[in-house]
């Protein structure tokens, strides 16, 4: 079984009117101004899942600045998940800089069956303002929702959307909310490498890391290295579709001499546990 924990879809409204949203949303413009940057809807994802032999995909929303757009896209996610039971699960979005409004949106996401909030890309000032964001995190926990955040490497090459949510930023946030179920995308910007520090290992008890866009960031040896550093109990397979197709990452994983039981945990077992799915 394969669960792709990190995919992106957009409604036909956004997909067919890209220019309108490029003008409205700076981050969307940064990532999708290039017409070659593909936007996929739910039907295209389902079709690709069949080709790629993926059993379930978790669709991640986008960090919109407009709270109304967060709500509209959350409603779209709720709709397509209801249309594809057992195939799609979803994460919604909210504007974290407005805690009162964010809490209402989180409660809405929980009501329509979404499993978390993500992929967030908050400003560093918000992640470090623990007092301001605390009510939002408490609401996530009360509704048994997961938080998935973008993460990036403090070194290496630059790329569109790299951002500045690095391990240095993430770690104090993780320490402040030890009971939050948190997924750090893109291998957490390298945060797992600090698991050799005892205090970091303790802090990462409820933190997961996905492999989204891994071939653009690391060599295929990342899978064996992560297993050696921290085991694979908290690792999730994610492609970042449509940026990459799952088979590209699967080839890298299969190239490593890992036990089948370890591969199963990475490809499906850990996601099932985190999402509360029965075997």
C-alpha atoms as a PDB file:
ATOM      1  CA  UNK A   1       0.000   0.000   0.000  1.00  0.00           C
ATOM      2  CA  UNK A   2       1.177   3.545  -0.771  1.00  0.00           C
ATOM      3  CA  UNK A   3      -0.127   6.721   0.870  1.00  0.00           C
ATOM      4  CA  UNK A   4       1.154   9.948  -0.642  1.00  0.00           C
ATOM      5  CA  UNK A   5       0.982  12.332   2.305  1.00  0.00           C
ATOM      6  CA  UNK A   6       1.906  15.507   0.441  1.00  0.00           C
ATOM      7  CA  UNK A   7       0.048  16.440  -2.744  1.00  0.00           C
ATOM      8  CA  UNK A   8      -1.517  19.678  -3.964  1.00  0.00           C
ATOM      9  CA  UNK A   9      -4.740  20.296  -5.849  1.00  0.00           C
ATOM     10  CA  UNK A  10      -6.673  23.401  -6.849  1.00  0.00           C
ATOM     11  CA  UNK A  11     -10.258  23.956  -7.827  1.00  0.00           C
ATOM     12  CA  UNK A  12     -11.145  24.539 -11.466  1.00  0.00           C
ATOM     13  CA  UNK A  13     -11.929  28.144 -10.530  1.00  0.00           C
ATOM     14  CA  UNK A  14      -8.313  28.734  -9.536  1.00  0.00           C
ATOM     15  CA  UNK A  15      -6.850  26.449 -12.194  1.00  0.00           C
ATOM     16  CA  UNK A  16      -8.722  28.154 -15.033  1.00  0.00           C
ATOM     17  CA  UNK A  17      -8.191  31.695 -13.756  1.00  0.00           C
ATOM     18  CA  UNK A  18      -4.548  31.496 -12.701  1.00  0.00           C
ATOM     19  CA  UNK A  19      -3.783  35.099 -13.687  1.00  0.00           C
ATOM     20  CA  UNK A  20      -6.415  36.458 -11.299  1.00  0.00           C
ATOM     21  CA  UNK A  21      -4.872  34.672  -8.311  1.00  0.00           C
ATOM     22  CA  UNK A  22      -1.317  35.509  -9.370  1.00  0.00           C
ATOM     23  CA  UNK A  23      -2.256  39.140  -8.966  1.00  0.00           C
ATOM     24  CA  UNK A  24      -4.025  38.647  -5.626  1.00  0.00           C
ATOM     25  CA  UNK A  25      -1.656  36.312  -3.815  1.00  0.00           C
ATOM     26  CA  UNK A  26       2.137  36.985  -3.655  1.00  0.00           C
ATOM     27  CA  UNK A  27       3.160  33.442  -2.690  1.00  0.00           C
ATOM     28  CA  UNK A  28       0.948  31.944  -5.382  1.00  0.00           C
ATOM     29  CA  UNK A  29       2.626  34.311  -7.832  1.00  0.00           C
ATOM     30  CA  UNK A  30       6.086  33.236  -6.663  1.00  0.00           C
ATOM     31  CA  UNK A  31       5.320  29.559  -7.172  1.00  0.00           C
ATOM     32  CA  UNK A  32       2.974  29.558 -10.160  1.00  0.00           C
ATOM     33  CA  UNK A  33       3.742  32.607 -12.311  1.00  0.00           C
ATOM     34  CA  UNK A  34       5.650  30.318 -14.647  1.00  0.00           C
ATOM     35  CA  UNK A  35       3.012  28.730 -16.927  1.00  0.00           C
ATOM     36  CA  UNK A  36       5.030  25.494 -16.810  1.00  0.00           C
ATOM     37  CA  UNK A  37       4.264  25.193 -13.084  1.00  0.00           C
ATOM     38  CA  UNK A  38       1.411  22.714 -13.194  1.00  0.00           C
ATOM     39  CA  UNK A  39      -1.866  23.115 -11.343  1.00  0.00           C
ATOM     40  CA  UNK A  40      -3.872  19.925 -10.876  1.00  0.00           C
ATOM     41  CA  UNK A  41      -7.458  19.365  -9.764  1.00  0.00           C
ATOM     42  CA  UNK A  42      -8.817  16.394  -7.831  1.00  0.00           C
ATOM     43  CA  UNK A  43      -9.764  14.411 -10.933  1.00  0.00           C
ATOM     44  CA  UNK A  44      -6.263  14.749 -12.369  1.00  0.00           C
ATOM     45  CA  UNK A  45      -4.744  13.599  -9.097  1.00  0.00           C
ATOM     46  CA  UNK A  46      -7.018  10.544  -8.960  1.00  0.00           C
ATOM     47  CA  UNK A  47      -6.081   9.644 -12.554  1.00  0.00           C
ATOM     48  CA  UNK A  48      -2.380   9.975 -11.739  1.00  0.00           C
ATOM     49  CA  UNK A  49      -2.788   7.857  -8.614  1.00  0.00           C
ATOM     50  CA  UNK A  50      -4.034   4.993 -10.778  1.00  0.00           C
ATOM     51  CA  UNK A  51      -1.028   5.307 -13.077  1.00  0.00           C
ATOM     52  CA  UNK A  52       1.409   5.596 -10.177  1.00  0.00           C
ATOM     53  CA  UNK A  53      -0.191   2.788  -8.111  1.00  0.00           C
ATOM     54  CA  UNK A  54      -0.895   5.114  -5.177  1.00  0.00           C
ATOM     55  CA  UNK A  55      -3.738   3.946  -2.953  1.00  0.00           C
ATOM     56  CA  UNK A  56      -4.482   7.175  -1.082  1.00  0.00           C
ATOM     57  CA  UNK A  57      -3.381  10.801  -1.287  1.00  0.00           C
ATOM     58  CA  UNK A  58      -3.491  13.504   1.350  1.00  0.00           C
ATOM     59  CA  UNK A  59      -4.190  16.808  -0.361  1.00  0.00           C
ATOM     60  CA  UNK A  60      -2.619  19.918   1.128  1.00  0.00           C
ATOM     61  CA  UNK A  61      -4.120  23.360   0.810  1.00  0.00           C
ATOM     62  CA  UNK A  62      -2.166  26.546   0.081  1.00  0.00           C
ATOM     63  CA  UNK A  63      -1.108  29.406   2.352  1.00  0.00           C
ATOM     64  CA  UNK A  64      -3.578  32.023   1.126  1.00  0.00           C
ATOM     65  CA  UNK A  65      -3.519  35.551   2.540  1.00  0.00           C
ATOM     66  CA  UNK A  66      -7.241  35.980   1.934  1.00  0.00           C
ATOM     67  CA  UNK A  67      -9.291  34.302   4.674  1.00  0.00           C
ATOM     68  CA  UNK A  68     -12.256  34.084   2.314  1.00  0.00           C
ATOM     69  CA  UNK A  69     -10.130  32.137  -0.133  1.00  0.00           C
ATOM     70  CA  UNK A  70      -9.050  29.818   2.677  1.00  0.00           C
ATOM     71  CA  UNK A  71     -12.706  29.065   3.363  1.00  0.00           C
ATOM     72  CA  UNK A  72     -13.586  28.562  -0.324  1.00  0.00           C
ATOM     73  CA  UNK A  73     -10.710  26.159  -0.895  1.00  0.00           C
ATOM     74  CA  UNK A  74     -11.461  24.287   2.328  1.00  0.00           C
ATOM     75  CA  UNK A  75     -15.015  23.791   1.101  1.00  0.00           C
ATOM     76  CA  UNK A  76     -13.649  22.456  -2.198  1.00  0.00           C
ATOM     77  CA  UNK A  77     -11.435  20.006  -0.327  1.00  0.00           C
ATOM     78  CA  UNK A  78     -14.367  18.808   1.756  1.00  0.00           C
ATOM     79  CA  UNK A  79     -16.376  18.267  -1.418  1.00  0.00           C
ATOM     80  CA  UNK A  80     -13.762  16.246  -3.324  1.00  0.00           C
ATOM     81  CA  UNK A  81     -12.921  14.134  -0.283  1.00  0.00           C
ATOM     82  CA  UNK A  82     -16.593  13.224   0.071  1.00  0.00           C
ATOM     83  CA  UNK A  83     -16.631  12.323  -3.626  1.00  0.00           C
ATOM     84  CA  UNK A  84     -13.573  10.057  -3.309  1.00  0.00           C
ATOM     85  CA  UNK A  85     -13.884   8.258   0.043  1.00  0.00           C
ATOM     86  CA  UNK A  86     -10.914   6.063   0.823  1.00  0.00           C
ATOM     87  CA  UNK A  87      -8.886   7.726  -1.918  1.00  0.00           C
ATOM     88  CA  UNK A  88      -8.437  11.308  -0.735  1.00  0.00           C
ATOM     89  CA  UNK A  89      -7.937  12.847   2.683  1.00  0.00           C
ATOM     90  CA  UNK A  90      -7.393  16.549   3.153  1.00  0.00           C
ATOM     91  CA  UNK A  91      -5.772  19.344   5.078  1.00  0.00           C
ATOM     92  CA  UNK A  92      -7.339  22.792   5.137  1.00  0.00           C
ATOM     93  CA  UNK A  93      -5.987  26.298   5.533  1.00  0.00           C
ATOM     94  CA  UNK A  94      -6.535  29.316   7.760  1.00  0.00           C
ATOM     95  CA  UNK A  95      -4.923  32.721   8.231  1.00  0.00           C
ATOM     96  CA  UNK A  96      -2.817  32.135  11.312  1.00  0.00           C
ATOM     97  CA  UNK A  97      -2.128  35.831  11.878  1.00  0.00           C
ATOM     98  CA  UNK A  98      -5.788  36.300  12.875  1.00  0.00           C
ATOM     99  CA  UNK A  99      -6.247  33.780  15.714  1.00  0.00           C
ATOM    100  CA  UNK A 100      -9.971  34.394  16.229  1.00  0.00           C
ATOM    101  CA  UNK A 101     -10.770  33.862  12.564  1.00  0.00           C
ATOM    102  CA  UNK A 102      -8.301  30.964  12.330  1.00  0.00           C
ATOM    103  CA  UNK A 103     -10.055  29.148  15.174  1.00  0.00           C
ATOM    104  CA  UNK A 104     -13.417  29.405  13.409  1.00  0.00           C
ATOM    105  CA  UNK A 105     -11.889  28.047  10.205  1.00  0.00           C
ATOM    106  CA  UNK A 106     -10.173  25.196  12.023  1.00  0.00           C
ATOM    107  CA  UNK A 107     -13.483  24.201  13.602  1.00  0.00           C
ATOM    108  CA  UNK A 108     -15.092  24.305  10.152  1.00  0.00           C
ATOM    109  CA  UNK A 109     -12.351  22.083   8.729  1.00  0.00           C
ATOM    110  CA  UNK A 110     -12.933  19.567  11.507  1.00  0.00           C
ATOM    111  CA  UNK A 111     -16.677  19.545  10.839  1.00  0.00           C
ATOM    112  CA  UNK A 112     -16.275  18.774   7.137  1.00  0.00           C
ATOM    113  CA  UNK A 113     -13.882  15.904   7.771  1.00  0.00           C
ATOM    114  CA  UNK A 114     -10.478  17.413   7.065  1.00  0.00           C
ATOM    115  CA  UNK A 115      -7.594  15.908   9.021  1.00  0.00           C
ATOM    116  CA  UNK A 116      -5.382  18.911   9.565  1.00  0.00           C
ATOM    117  CA  UNK A 117      -4.150  22.311   8.493  1.00  0.00           C
ATOM    118  CA  UNK A 118      -1.390  22.620   5.907  1.00  0.00           C
ATOM    119  CA  UNK A 119       0.791  23.290   4.095  1.00  0.00           C
ATOM    120  CA  UNK A 120       1.313  26.402   6.201  1.00  0.00           C
ATOM    121  CA  UNK A 121       4.047  28.908   5.416  1.00  0.00           C
ATOM    122  CA  UNK A 122       3.757  31.393   8.277  1.00  0.00           C
ATOM    123  CA  UNK A 123       6.032  34.345   8.862  1.00  0.00           C
ATOM    124  CA  UNK A 124       8.856  33.632  11.291  1.00  0.00           C
ATOM    125  CA  UNK A 125       7.516  36.361  13.555  1.00  0.00           C
ATOM    126  CA  UNK A 126       4.293  34.381  13.949  1.00  0.00           C
ATOM    127  CA  UNK A 127       5.938  31.044  14.684  1.00  0.00           C
ATOM    128  CA  UNK A 128       8.070  32.696  17.352  1.00  0.00           C
ATOM    129  CA  UNK A 129       5.157  34.620  18.902  1.00  0.00           C
ATOM    130  CA  UNK A 130       4.094  31.700  21.080  1.00  0.00           C
ATOM    131  CA  UNK A 131       1.496  33.661  23.055  1.00  0.00           C
ATOM    132  CA  UNK A 132      -0.293  34.811  19.901  1.00  0.00           C
ATOM    133  CA  UNK A 133      -0.399  31.432  18.192  1.00  0.00           C
ATOM    134  CA  UNK A 134      -1.131  29.385  21.328  1.00  0.00           C
ATOM    135  CA  UNK A 135      -4.975  29.586  21.055  1.00  0.00           C
ATOM    136  CA  UNK A 136      -4.764  28.371  17.454  1.00  0.00           C
ATOM    137  CA  UNK A 137      -2.576  25.404  18.379  1.00  0.00           C
ATOM    138  CA  UNK A 138      -4.861  24.542  21.287  1.00  0.00           C
ATOM    139  CA  UNK A 139      -7.821  24.576  18.899  1.00  0.00           C
ATOM    140  CA  UNK A 140      -5.999  22.173  16.569  1.00  0.00           C
ATOM    141  CA  UNK A 141      -5.342  19.825  19.459  1.00  0.00           C
ATOM    142  CA  UNK A 142      -8.893  20.029  20.791  1.00  0.00           C
ATOM    143  CA  UNK A 143     -10.177  19.045  17.337  1.00  0.00           C
ATOM    144  CA  UNK A 144      -7.560  16.282  16.949  1.00  0.00           C
ATOM    145  CA  UNK A 145      -6.108  17.898  13.827  1.00  0.00           C
ATOM    146  CA  UNK A 146      -2.558  17.667  12.509  1.00  0.00           C
ATOM    147  CA  UNK A 147      -0.465  20.660  11.464  1.00  0.00           C
ATOM    148  CA  UNK A 148       1.772  20.385   8.384  1.00  0.00           C
ATOM    149  CA  UNK A 149       4.318  23.109   7.805  1.00  0.00           C
ATOM    150  CA  UNK A 150       6.666  23.938   4.982  1.00  0.00           C
ATOM    151  CA  UNK A 151      10.317  23.676   5.992  1.00  0.00           C
ATOM    152  CA  UNK A 152      13.522  24.582   4.204  1.00  0.00           C
ATOM    153  CA  UNK A 153      17.257  24.128   4.493  1.00  0.00           C
ATOM    154  CA  UNK A 154      19.384  26.949   5.936  1.00  0.00           C
ATOM    155  CA  UNK A 155      22.131  26.128   3.423  1.00  0.00           C
ATOM    156  CA  UNK A 156      22.309  24.989  -0.189  1.00  0.00           C
ATOM    157  CA  UNK A 157      20.795  26.264  -3.406  1.00  0.00           C
ATOM    158  CA  UNK A 158      18.005  28.785  -3.702  1.00  0.00           C
ATOM    159  CA  UNK A 159      14.699  27.980  -5.408  1.00  0.00           C
ATOM    160  CA  UNK A 160      11.240  29.495  -5.755  1.00  0.00           C
ATOM    161  CA  UNK A 161       9.322  29.092  -2.535  1.00  0.00           C
ATOM    162  CA  UNK A 162      12.299  27.968  -0.446  1.00  0.00           C
ATOM    163  CA  UNK A 163      11.350  30.369   2.306  1.00  0.00           C
ATOM    164  CA  UNK A 164      12.929  30.772   5.722  1.00  0.00           C
ATOM    165  CA  UNK A 165      11.177  28.215   7.946  1.00  0.00           C
ATOM    166  CA  UNK A 166      14.382  26.447   8.937  1.00  0.00           C
ATOM    167  CA  UNK A 167      15.213  24.060  11.808  1.00  0.00           C
ATOM    168  CA  UNK A 168      16.367  27.049  13.875  1.00  0.00           C
ATOM    169  CA  UNK A 169      12.868  28.511  13.583  1.00  0.00           C
ATOM    170  CA  UNK A 170      10.968  25.246  13.941  1.00  0.00           C
ATOM    171  CA  UNK A 171      12.709  23.898  17.016  1.00  0.00           C
ATOM    172  CA  UNK A 172      11.507  26.506  19.588  1.00  0.00           C
ATOM    173  CA  UNK A 173       7.974  26.136  18.194  1.00  0.00           C
ATOM    174  CA  UNK A 174       8.173  22.354  18.598  1.00  0.00           C
ATOM    175  CA  UNK A 175       9.451  22.691  22.164  1.00  0.00           C
ATOM    176  CA  UNK A 176       6.619  25.124  23.002  1.00  0.00           C
ATOM    177  CA  UNK A 177       3.930  22.679  21.806  1.00  0.00           C
ATOM    178  CA  UNK A 178       5.205  19.171  22.600  1.00  0.00           C
ATOM    179  CA  UNK A 179       1.791  17.495  22.280  1.00  0.00           C
ATOM    180  CA  UNK A 180       0.977  18.912  18.842  1.00  0.00           C
ATOM    181  CA  UNK A 181       0.961  16.389  16.013  1.00  0.00           C
ATOM    182  CA  UNK A 182       3.255  18.201  13.579  1.00  0.00           C
ATOM    183  CA  UNK A 183       4.484  17.232  10.116  1.00  0.00           C
ATOM    184  CA  UNK A 184       7.511  19.100   8.808  1.00  0.00           C
ATOM    185  CA  UNK A 185       7.590  18.895   5.028  1.00  0.00           C
ATOM    186  CA  UNK A 186      10.691  18.401   2.886  1.00  0.00           C
ATOM    187  CA  UNK A 187      12.503  16.439   5.617  1.00  0.00           C
ATOM    188  CA  UNK A 188      12.053  19.367   8.002  1.00  0.00           C
ATOM    189  CA  UNK A 189      14.790  21.353   6.329  1.00  0.00           C
ATOM    190  CA  UNK A 190      17.314  18.892   7.778  1.00  0.00           C
ATOM    191  CA  UNK A 191      15.947  18.874  11.339  1.00  0.00           C
ATOM    192  CA  UNK A 192      16.136  15.036  11.615  1.00  0.00           C
ATOM    193  CA  UNK A 193      19.935  15.292  11.451  1.00  0.00           C
ATOM    194  CA  UNK A 194      19.855  16.815  14.954  1.00  0.00           C
ATOM    195  CA  UNK A 195      18.107  13.742  16.359  1.00  0.00           C
ATOM    196  CA  UNK A 196      21.482  12.594  17.672  1.00  0.00           C
ATOM    197  CA  UNK A 197      21.150  15.297  20.344  1.00  0.00           C
ATOM    198  CA  UNK A 198      19.201  13.733  23.256  1.00  0.00           C
ATOM    199  CA  UNK A 199      17.125  16.846  23.970  1.00  0.00           C
ATOM    200  CA  UNK A 200      16.148  17.147  20.307  1.00  0.00           C
ATOM    201  CA  UNK A 201      15.196  13.482  20.128  1.00  0.00           C
ATOM    202  CA  UNK A 202      12.872  14.007  23.090  1.00  0.00           C
ATOM    203  CA  UNK A 203      11.368  17.157  21.568  1.00  0.00           C
ATOM    204  CA  UNK A 204      10.610  15.376  18.285  1.00  0.00           C
ATOM    205  CA  UNK A 205       8.378  12.745  19.913  1.00  0.00           C
ATOM    206  CA  UNK A 206       5.229  13.963  18.095  1.00  0.00           C
ATOM    207  CA  UNK A 207       6.947  15.341  14.991  1.00  0.00           C
ATOM    208  CA  UNK A 208       6.856  13.668  11.584  1.00  0.00           C
ATOM    209  CA  UNK A 209       8.824  14.409   8.432  1.00  0.00           C
ATOM    210  CA  UNK A 210       7.708  13.949   4.845  1.00  0.00           C
ATOM    211  CA  UNK A 211       9.816  13.400   1.737  1.00  0.00           C
ATOM    212  CA  UNK A 212       8.069  15.969  -0.491  1.00  0.00           C
ATOM    213  CA  UNK A 213      10.302  17.146  -3.361  1.00  0.00           C
ATOM    214  CA  UNK A 214      13.181  15.059  -1.982  1.00  0.00           C
ATOM    215  CA  UNK A 215      14.953  14.500  -5.354  1.00  0.00           C
ATOM    216  CA  UNK A 216      15.279  18.272  -5.757  1.00  0.00           C
ATOM    217  CA  UNK A 217      16.962  18.555  -2.363  1.00  0.00           C
ATOM    218  CA  UNK A 218      18.904  15.409  -1.460  1.00  0.00           C
ATOM    219  CA  UNK A 219      20.536  12.372  -3.022  1.00  0.00           C
ATOM    220  CA  UNK A 220      18.781   9.014  -2.747  1.00  0.00           C
ATOM    221  CA  UNK A 221      20.933   8.174   0.278  1.00  0.00           C
ATOM    222  CA  UNK A 222      18.667  10.386   2.402  1.00  0.00           C
ATOM    223  CA  UNK A 223      16.369   7.411   3.093  1.00  0.00           C
ATOM    224  CA  UNK A 224      19.096   5.237   4.575  1.00  0.00           C
ATOM    225  CA  UNK A 225      20.579   8.169   6.471  1.00  0.00           C
ATOM    226  CA  UNK A 226      17.259   9.107   8.055  1.00  0.00           C
ATOM    227  CA  UNK A 227      16.678   5.480   9.046  1.00  0.00           C
ATOM    228  CA  UNK A 228      20.108   5.396  10.653  1.00  0.00           C
ATOM    229  CA  UNK A 229      19.649   8.714  12.472  1.00  0.00           C
ATOM    230  CA  UNK A 230      16.140   8.338  13.829  1.00  0.00           C
ATOM    231  CA  UNK A 231      14.478   5.251  12.378  1.00  0.00           C
ATOM    232  CA  UNK A 232      11.479   5.539  10.078  1.00  0.00           C
ATOM    233  CA  UNK A 233       8.630   5.506  12.613  1.00  0.00           C
ATOM    234  CA  UNK A 234       8.075   9.215  12.022  1.00  0.00           C
ATOM    235  CA  UNK A 235       8.728   9.422   8.290  1.00  0.00           C
ATOM    236  CA  UNK A 236       5.993   9.875   5.698  1.00  0.00           C
ATOM    237  CA  UNK A 237       6.085   9.333   1.964  1.00  0.00           C
ATOM    238  CA  UNK A 238       5.158  12.521   0.135  1.00  0.00           C
ATOM    239  CA  UNK A 239       5.775  13.414  -3.496  1.00  0.00           C
ATOM    240  CA  UNK A 240       4.708  17.087  -3.688  1.00  0.00           C
ATOM    241  CA  UNK A 241       2.571  16.174  -6.715  1.00  0.00           C
ATOM    242  CA  UNK A 242       2.152  17.692  -9.288  1.00  0.00           C
ATOM    243  CA  UNK A 243       5.658  19.119  -8.841  1.00  0.00           C
ATOM    244  CA  UNK A 244       6.923  15.543  -8.853  1.00  0.00           C
ATOM    245  CA  UNK A 245       5.298  12.202  -9.547  1.00  0.00           C
ATOM    246  CA  UNK A 246       5.504   9.513  -6.851  1.00  0.00           C
ATOM    247  CA  UNK A 247       7.442   7.027  -8.975  1.00  0.00           C
ATOM    248  CA  UNK A 248      10.479   9.305  -9.046  1.00  0.00           C
ATOM    249  CA  UNK A 249      10.751   9.184  -5.269  1.00  0.00           C
ATOM    250  CA  UNK A 250       9.899   5.493  -5.149  1.00  0.00           C
ATOM    251  CA  UNK A 251      12.870   4.732  -7.400  1.00  0.00           C
ATOM    252  CA  UNK A 252      15.167   6.485  -4.931  1.00  0.00           C
ATOM    253  CA  UNK A 253      13.651   4.598  -2.006  1.00  0.00           C
ATOM    254  CA  UNK A 254      13.896   1.231  -3.745  1.00  0.00           C
ATOM    255  CA  UNK A 255      17.557   1.896  -4.544  1.00  0.00           C
ATOM    256  CA  UNK A 256      18.356   1.736  -0.836  1.00  0.00           C
ATOM    257  CA  UNK A 257      18.973  -1.534   0.977  1.00  0.00           C
ATOM    258  CA  UNK A 258      16.181  -1.134   3.525  1.00  0.00           C
ATOM    259  CA  UNK A 259      14.083  -3.964   5.007  1.00  0.00           C
ATOM    260  CA  UNK A 260      10.600  -4.344   3.562  1.00  0.00           C
ATOM    261  CA  UNK A 261       9.078  -3.664   6.980  1.00  0.00           C
ATOM    262  CA  UNK A 262      10.852  -0.315   7.091  1.00  0.00           C
ATOM    263  CA  UNK A 263       9.669   0.577   3.592  1.00  0.00           C
ATOM    264  CA  UNK A 264       6.097  -0.325   4.540  1.00  0.00           C
ATOM    265  CA  UNK A 265       6.160   2.013   7.538  1.00  0.00           C
ATOM    266  CA  UNK A 266       7.469   4.803   5.373  1.00  0.00           C
ATOM    267  CA  UNK A 267       5.078   4.224   2.471  1.00  0.00           C
ATOM    268  CA  UNK A 268       1.875   3.641   4.437  1.00  0.00           C
ATOM    269  CA  UNK A 269       2.146   2.370   8.007  1.00  0.00           C
ATOM    270  CA  UNK A 270       3.134   5.630   9.669  1.00  0.00           C
ATOM    271  CA  UNK A 271       0.547   7.628   7.728  1.00  0.00           C
ATOM    272  CA  UNK A 272      -2.188   5.185   8.719  1.00  0.00           C
ATOM    273  CA  UNK A 273      -1.239   5.507  12.357  1.00  0.00           C
ATOM    274  CA  UNK A 274      -1.067   9.297  12.248  1.00  0.00           C
ATOM    275  CA  UNK A 275      -4.382   9.585  10.387  1.00  0.00           C
ATOM    276  CA  UNK A 276      -6.112   7.046  12.617  1.00  0.00           C
ATOM    277  CA  UNK A 277      -6.777   4.562   9.819  1.00  0.00           C
ATOM    278  CA  UNK A 278      -7.280   0.873  10.481  1.00  0.00           C
ATOM    279  CA  UNK A 279      -5.121  -1.677   8.675  1.00  0.00           C
END
